[in-house]
Amino acid sequence: MFYLQIDPSTDIAIAGVFTKEDNVIASDYVDFRPIVGTAGVGWLWNSITETWSTPPIVTISIEEIRIIRDIKLLESDWRVSVSDYPNSDIDAWIAYRNLLRDYPATYTPVENPIWPEAPS
């Protein structure tokens, strides 16, 4: 039988797959749970039902979205410099930057946000 090591304070699997013969000290078995199905690192152990559940989805907060958005705006500042105007690309970059500015207003927390695409 194979086992996952869990963090006893969170019951989340923190280490790979082991058999009891794999250099694991016998007293450490208290932190190991048998693998059932496709359970793996990051999965949550329910000690009441003695079952594994998939890891919780980690969503990106609105604060993190604003930080990422601000970085994307900073990275594209040079694309809309006044000295380049008129430039056919500048209108596309202005539209992109407006989408970035509006993005937090329409954001709903998800695991992998889909950002506006920068002009090529």
PDB file of N, CA and C in Angstrom:
ATOM      1  N   MET A   1       0.841  -1.179   0.000  1.00  0.00           N
ATOM      2  CA  MET A   1       0.000   0.000   0.000  1.00  0.00           C
ATOM      3  C   MET A   1       0.885   1.240   0.000  1.00  0.00           C
ATOM      4  N   PHE A   2       0.418   2.309  -0.653  1.00  0.00           N
ATOM      5  CA  PHE A   2       1.164   3.556  -0.737  1.00  0.00           C
ATOM      6  C   PHE A   2       0.521   4.606   0.157  1.00  0.00           C
ATOM      7  N   TYR A   3       1.360   5.555   0.622  1.00  0.00           N
ATOM      8  CA  TYR A   3       0.910   6.548   1.588  1.00  0.00           C
ATOM      9  C   TYR A   3       1.347   7.946   1.180  1.00  0.00           C
ATOM     10  N   LEU A   4       0.566   8.928   1.614  1.00  0.00           N
ATOM     11  CA  LEU A   4       0.936  10.336   1.487  1.00  0.00           C
ATOM     12  C   LEU A   4       1.180  10.881   2.881  1.00  0.00           C
ATOM     13  N   GLN A   5       2.207  11.701   3.009  1.00  0.00           N
ATOM     14  CA  GLN A   5       2.453  12.349   4.294  1.00  0.00           C
ATOM     15  C   GLN A   5       1.575  13.590   4.365  1.00  0.00           C
ATOM     16  N   ILE A   6       0.927  13.791   5.504  1.00  0.00           N
ATOM     17  CA  ILE A   6       0.073  14.969   5.672  1.00  0.00           C
ATOM     18  C   ILE A   6       0.690  15.920   6.694  1.00  0.00           C
ATOM     19  N   ASP A   7       0.336  17.177   6.572  1.00  0.00           N
ATOM     20  CA  ASP A   7       0.665  18.166   7.591  1.00  0.00           C
ATOM     21  C   ASP A   7      -0.395  18.001   8.667  1.00  0.00           C
ATOM     22  N   PRO A   8      -0.023  17.619   9.888  1.00  0.00           N
ATOM     23  CA  PRO A   8      -1.030  17.336  10.919  1.00  0.00           C
ATOM     24  C   PRO A   8      -1.877  18.542  11.318  1.00  0.00           C
ATOM     25  N   SER A   9      -1.392  19.756  11.078  1.00  0.00           N
ATOM     26  CA  SER A   9      -2.186  20.920  11.462  1.00  0.00           C
ATOM     27  C   SER A   9      -3.238  21.281  10.414  1.00  0.00           C
ATOM     28  N   THR A  10      -2.988  20.922   9.138  1.00  0.00           N
ATOM     29  CA  THR A  10      -3.940  21.273   8.080  1.00  0.00           C
ATOM     30  C   THR A  10      -4.587  20.064   7.419  1.00  0.00           C
ATOM     31  N   ASP A  11      -4.022  18.869   7.644  1.00  0.00           N
ATOM     32  CA  ASP A  11      -4.484  17.630   7.001  1.00  0.00           C
ATOM     33  C   ASP A  11      -4.333  17.657   5.486  1.00  0.00           C
ATOM     34  N   ILE A  12      -3.401  18.461   4.988  1.00  0.00           N
ATOM     35  CA  ILE A  12      -3.131  18.518   3.554  1.00  0.00           C
ATOM     36  C   ILE A  12      -1.901  17.665   3.266  1.00  0.00           C
ATOM     37  N   ALA A  13      -1.977  16.861   2.205  1.00  0.00           N
ATOM     38  CA  ALA A  13      -0.840  16.024   1.820  1.00  0.00           C
ATOM     39  C   ALA A  13       0.316  16.917   1.395  1.00  0.00           C
ATOM     40  N   ILE A  14       1.483  16.717   2.031  1.00  0.00           N
ATOM     41  CA  ILE A  14       2.627  17.593   1.780  1.00  0.00           C
ATOM     42  C   ILE A  14       3.812  16.887   1.144  1.00  0.00           C
ATOM     43  N   ALA A  15       3.780  15.581   1.093  1.00  0.00           N
ATOM     44  CA  ALA A  15       4.932  14.867   0.541  1.00  0.00           C
ATOM     45  C   ALA A  15       4.461  13.695  -0.288  1.00  0.00           C
ATOM     46  N   GLY A  16       5.379  13.227  -1.131  1.00  0.00           N
ATOM     47  CA  GLY A  16       5.092  12.220  -2.126  1.00  0.00           C
ATOM     48  C   GLY A  16       4.570  10.901  -1.638  1.00  0.00           C
ATOM     49  N   VAL A  17       4.618   9.958  -2.515  1.00  0.00           N
ATOM     50  CA  VAL A  17       4.054   8.628  -2.304  1.00  0.00           C
ATOM     51  C   VAL A  17       5.116   7.735  -1.662  1.00  0.00           C
ATOM     52  N   PHE A  18       4.741   7.075  -0.583  1.00  0.00           N
ATOM     53  CA  PHE A  18       5.668   6.219   0.129  1.00  0.00           C
ATOM     54  C   PHE A  18       5.037   4.862   0.392  1.00  0.00           C
ATOM     55  N   THR A  19       5.896   3.880   0.520  1.00  0.00           N
ATOM     56  CA  THR A  19       5.470   2.615   1.107  1.00  0.00           C
ATOM     57  C   THR A  19       6.086   2.591   2.487  1.00  0.00           C
ATOM     58  N   LYS A  20       5.633   1.729   3.350  1.00  0.00           N
ATOM     59  CA  LYS A  20       6.181   1.716   4.705  1.00  0.00           C
ATOM     60  C   LYS A  20       7.638   1.274   4.725  1.00  0.00           C
ATOM     61  N   GLU A  21       8.123   0.747   3.631  1.00  0.00           N
ATOM     62  CA  GLU A  21       9.520   0.320   3.572  1.00  0.00           C
ATOM     63  C   GLU A  21      10.447   1.450   3.128  1.00  0.00           C
ATOM     64  N   ASP A  22       9.904   2.580   2.710  1.00  0.00           N
ATOM     65  CA  ASP A  22      10.699   3.666   2.123  1.00  0.00           C
ATOM     66  C   ASP A  22      11.270   4.628   3.159  1.00  0.00           C
ATOM     67  N   ASN A  23      12.290   4.253   3.856  1.00  0.00           N
ATOM     68  CA  ASN A  23      13.025   5.147   4.750  1.00  0.00           C
ATOM     69  C   ASN A  23      12.128   6.044   5.604  1.00  0.00           C
ATOM     70  N   VAL A  24      11.016   5.558   6.014  1.00  0.00           N
ATOM     71  CA  VAL A  24      10.105   6.320   6.848  1.00  0.00           C
ATOM     72  C   VAL A  24      10.183   5.728   8.255  1.00  0.00           C
ATOM     73  N   ILE A  25      10.474   6.571   9.213  1.00  0.00           N
ATOM     74  CA  ILE A  25      10.585   6.116  10.590  1.00  0.00           C
ATOM     75  C   ILE A  25       9.197   5.712  11.077  1.00  0.00           C
ATOM     76  N   ALA A  26       9.127   4.593  11.773  1.00  0.00           N
ATOM     77  CA  ALA A  26       7.838   4.041  12.198  1.00  0.00           C
ATOM     78  C   ALA A  26       7.006   5.046  12.980  1.00  0.00           C
ATOM     79  N   SER A  27       7.629   5.863  13.802  1.00  0.00           N
ATOM     80  CA  SER A  27       6.864   6.833  14.596  1.00  0.00           C
ATOM     81  C   SER A  27       6.253   7.924  13.719  1.00  0.00           C
ATOM     82  N   ASP A  28       6.776   8.086  12.507  1.00  0.00           N
ATOM     83  CA  ASP A  28       6.231   9.100  11.602  1.00  0.00           C
ATOM     84  C   ASP A  28       4.942   8.654  10.926  1.00  0.00           C
ATOM     85  N   TYR A  29       4.583   7.394  11.041  1.00  0.00           N
ATOM     86  CA  TYR A  29       3.392   6.894  10.358  1.00  0.00           C
ATOM     87  C   TYR A  29       2.123   7.609  10.795  1.00  0.00           C
ATOM     88  N   VAL A  30       2.161   8.256  11.947  1.00  0.00           N
ATOM     89  CA  VAL A  30       0.985   8.981  12.403  1.00  0.00           C
ATOM     90  C   VAL A  30       0.614  10.086  11.403  1.00  0.00           C
ATOM     91  N   ASP A  31       1.591  10.572  10.641  1.00  0.00           N
ATOM     92  CA  ASP A  31       1.343  11.638   9.673  1.00  0.00           C
ATOM     93  C   ASP A  31       1.169  11.119   8.246  1.00  0.00           C
ATOM     94  N   PHE A  32       0.939   9.835   8.094  1.00  0.00           N
ATOM     95  CA  PHE A  32       0.777   9.238   6.767  1.00  0.00           C
ATOM     96  C   PHE A  32      -0.625   8.664   6.624  1.00  0.00           C
ATOM     97  N   ARG A  33      -1.195   8.826   5.426  1.00  0.00           N
ATOM     98  CA  ARG A  33      -2.516   8.278   5.149  1.00  0.00           C
ATOM     99  C   ARG A  33      -2.440   7.470   3.866  1.00  0.00           C
ATOM    100  N   PRO A  34      -3.180   6.367   3.791  1.00  0.00           N
ATOM    101  CA  PRO A  34      -3.141   5.549   2.572  1.00  0.00           C
ATOM    102  C   PRO A  34      -3.749   6.288   1.382  1.00  0.00           C
ATOM    103  N   ILE A  35      -3.159   6.084   0.235  1.00  0.00           N
ATOM    104  CA  ILE A  35      -3.677   6.697  -0.991  1.00  0.00           C
ATOM    105  C   ILE A  35      -4.880   5.903  -1.472  1.00  0.00           C
ATOM    106  N   VAL A  36      -5.920   6.622  -1.791  1.00  0.00           N
ATOM    107  CA  VAL A  36      -7.118   6.017  -2.364  1.00  0.00           C
ATOM    108  C   VAL A  36      -7.391   6.771  -3.661  1.00  0.00           C
ATOM    109  N   GLY A  37      -7.596   6.045  -4.732  1.00  0.00           N
ATOM    110  CA  GLY A  37      -7.875   6.684  -6.023  1.00  0.00           C
ATOM    111  C   GLY A  37      -6.687   7.474  -6.521  1.00  0.00           C
ATOM    112  N   THR A  38      -6.934   8.727  -6.917  1.00  0.00           N
ATOM    113  CA  THR A  38      -5.883   9.552  -7.509  1.00  0.00           C
ATOM    114  C   THR A  38      -5.334  10.591  -6.542  1.00  0.00           C
ATOM    115  N   ALA A  39      -5.551  10.429  -5.256  1.00  0.00           N
ATOM    116  CA  ALA A  39      -5.088  11.407  -4.266  1.00  0.00           C
ATOM    117  C   ALA A  39      -3.602  11.666  -4.434  1.00  0.00           C
ATOM    118  N   GLY A  40      -3.197  12.904  -4.205  1.00  0.00           N
ATOM    119  CA  GLY A  40      -1.801  13.268  -4.343  1.00  0.00           C
ATOM    120  C   GLY A  40      -1.472  14.468  -3.478  1.00  0.00           C
ATOM    121  N   VAL A  41      -0.265  14.979  -3.641  1.00  0.00           N
ATOM    122  CA  VAL A  41       0.181  16.132  -2.870  1.00  0.00           C
ATOM    123  C   VAL A  41      -0.788  17.281  -3.103  1.00  0.00           C
ATOM    124  N   GLY A  42      -1.171  17.948  -2.022  1.00  0.00           N
ATOM    125  CA  GLY A  42      -2.116  19.056  -2.088  1.00  0.00           C
ATOM    126  C   GLY A  42      -3.540  18.652  -1.758  1.00  0.00           C
ATOM    127  N   TRP A  43      -3.823  17.355  -1.767  1.00  0.00           N
ATOM    128  CA  TRP A  43      -5.176  16.896  -1.453  1.00  0.00           C
ATOM    129  C   TRP A  43      -5.420  17.010   0.046  1.00  0.00           C
ATOM    130  N   LEU A  44      -6.680  17.103   0.423  1.00  0.00           N
ATOM    131  CA  LEU A  44      -7.080  17.288   1.814  1.00  0.00           C
ATOM    132  C   LEU A  44      -7.602  15.977   2.396  1.00  0.00           C
ATOM    133  N   TRP A  45      -7.083  15.609   3.576  1.00  0.00           N
ATOM    134  CA  TRP A  45      -7.501  14.397   4.273  1.00  0.00           C
ATOM    135  C   TRP A  45      -8.611  14.740   5.253  1.00  0.00           C
ATOM    136  N   ASN A  46      -9.722  14.032   5.165  1.00  0.00           N
ATOM    137  CA  ASN A  46     -10.822  14.213   6.109  1.00  0.00           C
ATOM    138  C   ASN A  46     -10.709  13.102   7.135  1.00  0.00           C
ATOM    139  N   SER A  47     -10.313  13.458   8.359  1.00  0.00           N
ATOM    140  CA  SER A  47     -10.071  12.441   9.383  1.00  0.00           C
ATOM    141  C   SER A  47     -11.370  11.841   9.924  1.00  0.00           C
ATOM    142  N   ILE A  48     -12.489  12.495   9.720  1.00  0.00           N
ATOM    143  CA  ILE A  48     -13.763  11.959  10.202  1.00  0.00           C
ATOM    144  C   ILE A  48     -14.251  10.845   9.274  1.00  0.00           C
ATOM    145  N   THR A  49     -14.253  11.129   7.962  1.00  0.00           N
ATOM    146  CA  THR A  49     -14.726  10.125   7.003  1.00  0.00           C
ATOM    147  C   THR A  49     -13.593   9.244   6.481  1.00  0.00           C
ATOM    148  N   GLU A  50     -12.349   9.621   6.841  1.00  0.00           N
ATOM    149  CA  GLU A  50     -11.156   8.919   6.378  1.00  0.00           C
ATOM    150  C   GLU A  50     -11.127   8.792   4.854  1.00  0.00           C
ATOM    151  N   THR A  51     -11.335   9.942   4.210  1.00  0.00           N
ATOM    152  CA  THR A  51     -11.297  10.007   2.751  1.00  0.00           C
ATOM    153  C   THR A  51     -10.488  11.224   2.322  1.00  0.00           C
ATOM    154  N   TRP A  52     -10.028  11.194   1.072  1.00  0.00           N
ATOM    155  CA  TRP A  52      -9.328  12.319   0.470  1.00  0.00           C
ATOM    156  C   TRP A  52     -10.310  13.165  -0.317  1.00  0.00           C
ATOM    157  N   SER A  53     -10.072  14.459  -0.367  1.00  0.00           N
ATOM    158  CA  SER A  53     -10.851  15.323  -1.257  1.00  0.00           C
ATOM    159  C   SER A  53      -9.877  16.160  -2.078  1.00  0.00           C
ATOM    160  N   THR A  54     -10.332  16.563  -3.257  1.00  0.00           N
ATOM    161  CA  THR A  54      -9.459  17.334  -4.140  1.00  0.00           C
ATOM    162  C   THR A  54      -9.079  18.637  -3.458  1.00  0.00           C
ATOM    163  N   PRO A  55      -7.940  19.179  -3.850  1.00  0.00           N
ATOM    164  CA  PRO A  55      -7.512  20.431  -3.226  1.00  0.00           C
ATOM    165  C   PRO A  55      -8.519  21.537  -3.496  1.00  0.00           C
ATOM    166  N   PRO A  56      -8.672  22.431  -2.538  1.00  0.00           N
ATOM    167  CA  PRO A  56      -9.592  23.547  -2.768  1.00  0.00           C
ATOM    168  C   PRO A  56      -9.052  24.447  -3.872  1.00  0.00           C
ATOM    169  N   ILE A  57      -9.957  25.040  -4.631  1.00  0.00           N
ATOM    170  CA  ILE A  57      -9.549  25.956  -5.693  1.00  0.00           C
ATOM    171  C   ILE A  57      -9.093  27.254  -5.044  1.00  0.00           C
ATOM    172  N   VAL A  58      -7.919  27.679  -5.424  1.00  0.00           N
ATOM    173  CA  VAL A  58      -7.368  28.920  -4.888  1.00  0.00           C
ATOM    174  C   VAL A  58      -7.687  30.029  -5.875  1.00  0.00           C
ATOM    175  N   THR A  59      -8.481  30.982  -5.436  1.00  0.00           N
ATOM    176  CA  THR A  59      -8.849  32.073  -6.325  1.00  0.00           C
ATOM    177  C   THR A  59      -7.928  33.262  -6.083  1.00  0.00           C
ATOM    178  N   ILE A  60      -7.834  34.106  -7.073  1.00  0.00           N
ATOM    179  CA  ILE A  60      -7.008  35.297  -6.969  1.00  0.00           C
ATOM    180  C   ILE A  60      -7.894  36.445  -6.499  1.00  0.00           C
ATOM    181  N   SER A  61      -7.464  37.096  -5.431  1.00  0.00           N
ATOM    182  CA  SER A  61      -8.265  38.168  -4.834  1.00  0.00           C
ATOM    183  C   SER A  61      -8.237  39.420  -5.714  1.00  0.00           C
ATOM    184  N   ILE A  62      -9.168  40.317  -5.459  1.00  0.00           N
ATOM    185  CA  ILE A  62      -9.236  41.568  -6.212  1.00  0.00           C
ATOM    186  C   ILE A  62      -7.986  42.410  -5.956  1.00  0.00           C
ATOM    187  N   GLU A  63      -7.417  42.315  -4.757  1.00  0.00           N
ATOM    188  CA  GLU A  63      -6.193  43.050  -4.449  1.00  0.00           C
ATOM    189  C   GLU A  63      -5.040  42.549  -5.323  1.00  0.00           C
ATOM    190  N   GLU A  64      -4.933  41.218  -5.471  1.00  0.00           N
ATOM    191  CA  GLU A  64      -3.886  40.646  -6.325  1.00  0.00           C
ATOM    192  C   GLU A  64      -4.116  41.027  -7.789  1.00  0.00           C
ATOM    193  N   ILE A  65      -5.373  41.046  -8.208  1.00  0.00           N
ATOM    194  CA  ILE A  65      -5.705  41.438  -9.583  1.00  0.00           C
ATOM    195  C   ILE A  65      -5.246  42.865  -9.846  1.00  0.00           C
ATOM    196  N   ARG A  66      -5.488  43.742  -8.896  1.00  0.00           N
ATOM    197  CA  ARG A  66      -5.069  45.143  -9.079  1.00  0.00           C
ATOM    198  C   ARG A  66      -3.555  45.272  -9.170  1.00  0.00           C
ATOM    199  N   ILE A  67      -2.832  44.480  -8.385  1.00  0.00           N
ATOM    200  CA  ILE A  67      -1.366  44.513  -8.436  1.00  0.00           C
ATOM    201  C   ILE A  67      -0.873  44.038  -9.805  1.00  0.00           C
ATOM    202  N   ILE A  68      -1.419  42.922 -10.279  1.00  0.00           N
ATOM    203  CA  ILE A  68      -1.026  42.401 -11.591  1.00  0.00           C
ATOM    204  C   ILE A  68      -1.387  43.399 -12.682  1.00  0.00           C
ATOM    205  N   ARG A  69      -2.586  43.969 -12.584  1.00  0.00           N
ATOM    206  CA  ARG A  69      -3.032  44.970 -13.568  1.00  0.00           C
ATOM    207  C   ARG A  69      -2.083  46.168 -13.584  1.00  0.00           C
ATOM    208  N   ASP A  70      -1.694  46.653 -12.409  1.00  0.00           N
ATOM    209  CA  ASP A  70      -0.791  47.804 -12.338  1.00  0.00           C
ATOM    210  C   ASP A  70       0.560  47.492 -12.980  1.00  0.00           C
ATOM    211  N   ILE A  71       1.041  46.285 -12.783  1.00  0.00           N
ATOM    212  CA  ILE A  71       2.305  45.884 -13.411  1.00  0.00           C
ATOM    213  C   ILE A  71       2.159  45.870 -14.925  1.00  0.00           C
ATOM    214  N   LYS A  72       1.043  45.310 -15.408  1.00  0.00           N
ATOM    215  CA  LYS A  72       0.819  45.277 -16.859  1.00  0.00           C
ATOM    216  C   LYS A  72       0.721  46.697 -17.437  1.00  0.00           C
ATOM    217  N   LEU A  73       0.105  47.605 -16.695  1.00  0.00           N
ATOM    218  CA  LEU A  73       0.032  48.989 -17.154  1.00  0.00           C
ATOM    219  C   LEU A  73       1.421  49.628 -17.184  1.00  0.00           C
ATOM    220  N   LEU A  74       2.211  49.393 -16.143  1.00  0.00           N
ATOM    221  CA  LEU A  74       3.571  49.941 -16.112  1.00  0.00           C
ATOM    222  C   LEU A  74       4.423  49.397 -17.260  1.00  0.00           C
ATOM    223  N   GLU A  75       4.272  48.111 -17.537  1.00  0.00           N
ATOM    224  CA  GLU A  75       5.050  47.487 -18.603  1.00  0.00           C
ATOM    225  C   GLU A  75       4.680  48.014 -19.993  1.00  0.00           C
ATOM    226  N   SER A  76       3.479  48.554 -20.117  1.00  0.00           N
ATOM    227  CA  SER A  76       3.045  49.032 -21.433  1.00  0.00           C
ATOM    228  C   SER A  76       3.033  50.555 -21.543  1.00  0.00           C
ATOM    229  N   ASP A  77       3.502  51.258 -20.510  1.00  0.00           N
ATOM    230  CA  ASP A  77       3.528  52.723 -20.561  1.00  0.00           C
ATOM    231  C   ASP A  77       4.260  53.252 -21.781  1.00  0.00           C
ATOM    232  N   TRP A  78       5.400  52.688 -22.078  1.00  0.00           N
ATOM    233  CA  TRP A  78       6.228  53.190 -23.166  1.00  0.00           C
ATOM    234  C   TRP A  78       5.554  53.039 -24.528  1.00  0.00           C
ATOM    235  N   ARG A  79       4.577  52.129 -24.608  1.00  0.00           N
ATOM    236  CA  ARG A  79       3.900  51.887 -25.890  1.00  0.00           C
ATOM    237  C   ARG A  79       3.012  53.049 -26.321  1.00  0.00           C
ATOM    238  N   VAL A  80       2.636  53.883 -25.377  1.00  0.00           N
ATOM    239  CA  VAL A  80       1.720  54.974 -25.707  1.00  0.00           C
ATOM    240  C   VAL A  80       2.346  56.352 -25.465  1.00  0.00           C
ATOM    241  N   SER A  81       3.654  56.406 -25.592  1.00  0.00           N
ATOM    242  CA  SER A  81       4.312  57.697 -25.374  1.00  0.00           C
ATOM    243  C   SER A  81       3.885  58.688 -26.463  1.00  0.00           C
ATOM    244  N   VAL A  82       3.760  59.927 -26.074  1.00  0.00           N
ATOM    245  CA  VAL A  82       3.281  60.970 -26.980  1.00  0.00           C
ATOM    246  C   VAL A  82       4.234  61.159 -28.154  1.00  0.00           C
ATOM    247  N   SER A  83       5.520  60.928 -27.957  1.00  0.00           N
ATOM    248  CA  SER A  83       6.486  61.145 -29.036  1.00  0.00           C
ATOM    249  C   SER A  83       6.268  60.195 -30.213  1.00  0.00           C
ATOM    250  N   ASP A  84       5.608  59.078 -29.989  1.00  0.00           N
ATOM    251  CA  ASP A  84       5.355  58.122 -31.065  1.00  0.00           C
ATOM    252  C   ASP A  84       4.099  58.443 -31.871  1.00  0.00           C
ATOM    253  N   TYR A  85       3.290  59.383 -31.381  1.00  0.00           N
ATOM    254  CA  TYR A  85       2.018  59.652 -32.040  1.00  0.00           C
ATOM    255  C   TYR A  85       2.250  60.498 -33.280  1.00  0.00           C
ATOM    256  N   PRO A  86       1.631  60.334 -34.420  1.00  0.00           N
ATOM    257  CA  PRO A  86       0.638  59.302 -34.685  1.00  0.00           C
ATOM    258  C   PRO A  86       1.310  57.977 -35.076  1.00  0.00           C
ATOM    259  N   ASN A  87       0.786  56.950 -34.533  1.00  0.00           N
ATOM    260  CA  ASN A  87       1.300  55.603 -34.779  1.00  0.00           C
ATOM    261  C   ASN A  87       0.087  54.688 -34.783  1.00  0.00           C
ATOM    262  N   SER A  88      -0.032  53.843 -35.802  1.00  0.00           N
ATOM    263  CA  SER A  88      -1.222  52.995 -35.908  1.00  0.00           C
ATOM    264  C   SER A  88      -1.348  52.042 -34.725  1.00  0.00           C
ATOM    265  N   ASP A  89      -0.219  51.649 -34.132  1.00  0.00           N
ATOM    266  CA  ASP A  89      -0.266  50.734 -32.987  1.00  0.00           C
ATOM    267  C   ASP A  89      -0.730  51.412 -31.707  1.00  0.00           C
ATOM    268  N   ILE A  90      -0.553  52.724 -31.625  1.00  0.00           N
ATOM    269  CA  ILE A  90      -0.848  53.410 -30.368  1.00  0.00           C
ATOM    270  C   ILE A  90      -2.328  53.283 -29.998  1.00  0.00           C
ATOM    271  N   ASP A  91      -3.215  53.318 -31.000  1.00  0.00           N
ATOM    272  CA  ASP A  91      -4.648  53.192 -30.703  1.00  0.00           C
ATOM    273  C   ASP A  91      -4.971  51.822 -30.112  1.00  0.00           C
ATOM    274  N   ALA A  92      -4.329  50.781 -30.632  1.00  0.00           N
ATOM    275  CA  ALA A  92      -4.539  49.433 -30.090  1.00  0.00           C
ATOM    276  C   ALA A  92      -4.026  49.340 -28.660  1.00  0.00           C
ATOM    277  N   TRP A  93      -2.875  49.963 -28.391  1.00  0.00           N
ATOM    278  CA  TRP A  93      -2.326  49.941 -27.031  1.00  0.00           C
ATOM    279  C   TRP A  93      -3.176  50.766 -26.070  1.00  0.00           C
ATOM    280  N   ILE A  94      -3.711  51.862 -26.526  1.00  0.00           N
ATOM    281  CA  ILE A  94      -4.607  52.665 -25.672  1.00  0.00           C
ATOM    282  C   ILE A  94      -5.853  51.859 -25.324  1.00  0.00           C
ATOM    283  N   ALA A  95      -6.424  51.175 -26.309  1.00  0.00           N
ATOM    284  CA  ALA A  95      -7.609  50.338 -26.063  1.00  0.00           C
ATOM    285  C   ALA A  95      -7.276  49.214 -25.079  1.00  0.00           C
ATOM    286  N   TYR A  96      -6.119  48.587 -25.261  1.00  0.00           N
ATOM    287  CA  TYR A  96      -5.679  47.516 -24.347  1.00  0.00           C
ATOM    288  C   TYR A  96      -5.545  48.047 -22.928  1.00  0.00           C
ATOM    289  N   ARG A  97      -4.912  49.196 -22.781  1.00  0.00           N
ATOM    290  CA  ARG A  97      -4.710  49.769 -21.444  1.00  0.00           C
ATOM    291  C   ARG A  97      -6.048  50.160 -20.806  1.00  0.00           C
ATOM    292  N   ASN A  98      -7.006  50.602 -21.614  1.00  0.00           N
ATOM    293  CA  ASN A  98      -8.339  50.899 -21.071  1.00  0.00           C
ATOM    294  C   ASN A  98      -9.009  49.623 -20.566  1.00  0.00           C
ATOM    295  N   LEU A  99      -8.848  48.523 -21.310  1.00  0.00           N
ATOM    296  CA  LEU A  99      -9.389  47.237 -20.856  1.00  0.00           C
ATOM    297  C   LEU A  99      -8.751  46.820 -19.535  1.00  0.00           C
ATOM    298  N   LEU A 100      -7.441  47.032 -19.412  1.00  0.00           N
ATOM    299  CA  LEU A 100      -6.760  46.716 -18.148  1.00  0.00           C
ATOM    300  C   LEU A 100      -7.308  47.560 -16.997  1.00  0.00           C
ATOM    301  N   ARG A 101      -7.505  48.835 -17.244  1.00  0.00           N
ATOM    302  CA  ARG A 101      -8.028  49.715 -16.185  1.00  0.00           C
ATOM    303  C   ARG A 101      -9.432  49.284 -15.744  1.00  0.00           C
ATOM    304  N   ASP A 102     -10.238  48.822 -16.695  1.00  0.00           N
ATOM    305  CA  ASP A 102     -11.615  48.411 -16.381  1.00  0.00           C
ATOM    306  C   ASP A 102     -11.699  46.996 -15.813  1.00  0.00           C
ATOM    307  N   TYR A 103     -10.646  46.217 -15.961  1.00  0.00           N
ATOM    308  CA  TYR A 103     -10.693  44.791 -15.603  1.00  0.00           C
ATOM    309  C   TYR A 103     -11.142  44.524 -14.162  1.00  0.00           C
ATOM    310  N   PRO A 104     -10.609  45.225 -13.154  1.00  0.00           N
ATOM    311  CA  PRO A 104     -11.049  44.922 -11.778  1.00  0.00           C
ATOM    312  C   PRO A 104     -12.548  45.131 -11.547  1.00  0.00           C
ATOM    313  N   ALA A 105     -13.163  46.030 -12.283  1.00  0.00           N
ATOM    314  CA  ALA A 105     -14.592  46.297 -12.097  1.00  0.00           C
ATOM    315  C   ALA A 105     -15.460  45.127 -12.544  1.00  0.00           C
ATOM    316  N   THR A 106     -14.949  44.320 -13.468  1.00  0.00           N
ATOM    317  CA  THR A 106     -15.735  43.201 -13.990  1.00  0.00           C
ATOM    318  C   THR A 106     -15.236  41.850 -13.494  1.00  0.00           C
ATOM    319  N   TYR A 107     -14.185  41.857 -12.659  1.00  0.00           N
ATOM    320  CA  TYR A 107     -13.550  40.607 -12.225  1.00  0.00           C
ATOM    321  C   TYR A 107     -14.392  39.879 -11.184  1.00  0.00           C
ATOM    322  N   THR A 108     -14.565  38.579 -11.395  1.00  0.00           N
ATOM    323  CA  THR A 108     -15.125  37.702 -10.366  1.00  0.00           C
ATOM    324  C   THR A 108     -14.027  36.710 -10.005  1.00  0.00           C
ATOM    325  N   PRO A 109     -13.823  36.431  -8.718  1.00  0.00           N
ATOM    326  CA  PRO A 109     -12.709  35.577  -8.306  1.00  0.00           C
ATOM    327  C   PRO A 109     -12.725  34.201  -8.971  1.00  0.00           C
ATOM    328  N   VAL A 110     -11.627  33.890  -9.633  1.00  0.00           N
ATOM    329  CA  VAL A 110     -11.429  32.602 -10.289  1.00  0.00           C
ATOM    330  C   VAL A 110      -9.994  32.159 -10.056  1.00  0.00           C
ATOM    331  N   GLU A 111      -9.710  30.911 -10.393  1.00  0.00           N
ATOM    332  CA  GLU A 111      -8.373  30.363 -10.212  1.00  0.00           C
ATOM    333  C   GLU A 111      -7.400  30.919 -11.253  1.00  0.00           C
ATOM    334  N   ASN A 112      -7.835  30.995 -12.508  1.00  0.00           N
ATOM    335  CA  ASN A 112      -6.983  31.476 -13.598  1.00  0.00           C
ATOM    336  C   ASN A 112      -7.697  32.572 -14.366  1.00  0.00           C
ATOM    337  N   PRO A 113      -7.492  33.828 -13.973  1.00  0.00           N
ATOM    338  CA  PRO A 113      -8.180  34.915 -14.675  1.00  0.00           C
ATOM    339  C   PRO A 113      -7.713  35.022 -16.128  1.00  0.00           C
ATOM    340  N   ILE A 114      -8.620  35.433 -16.993  1.00  0.00           N
ATOM    341  CA  ILE A 114      -8.290  35.632 -18.401  1.00  0.00           C
ATOM    342  C   ILE A 114      -8.127  37.140 -18.616  1.00  0.00           C
ATOM    343  N   TRP A 115      -6.897  37.528 -18.897  1.00  0.00           N
ATOM    344  CA  TRP A 115      -6.570  38.936 -19.080  1.00  0.00           C
ATOM    345  C   TRP A 115      -6.801  39.360 -20.523  1.00  0.00           C
ATOM    346  N   PRO A 116      -7.049  40.671 -20.710  1.00  0.00           N
ATOM    347  CA  PRO A 116      -7.107  41.175 -22.080  1.00  0.00           C
ATOM    348  C   PRO A 116      -5.766  40.902 -22.778  1.00  0.00           C
ATOM    349  N   GLU A 117      -5.821  40.658 -24.070  1.00  0.00           N
ATOM    350  CA  GLU A 117      -4.591  40.355 -24.804  1.00  0.00           C
ATOM    351  C   GLU A 117      -3.941  41.644 -25.277  1.00  0.00           C
ATOM    352  N   ALA A 118      -2.631  41.723 -25.073  1.00  0.00           N
ATOM    353  CA  ALA A 118      -1.878  42.877 -25.540  1.00  0.00           C
ATOM    354  C   ALA A 118      -1.766  42.842 -27.060  1.00  0.00           C
ATOM    355  N   PRO A 119      -1.772  44.005 -27.686  1.00  0.00           N
ATOM    356  CA  PRO A 119      -1.593  44.029 -29.145  1.00  0.00           C
ATOM    357  C   PRO A 119      -0.228  43.434 -29.505  1.00  0.00           C
ATOM    358  N   SER A 120      -0.138  42.891 -30.690  1.00  0.00           N
ATOM    359  CA  SER A 120       1.144  42.298 -31.105  1.00  0.00           C
ATOM    360  C   SER A 120       1.976  43.276 -31.906  1.00  0.00           C
TER     361      SER A 120
END
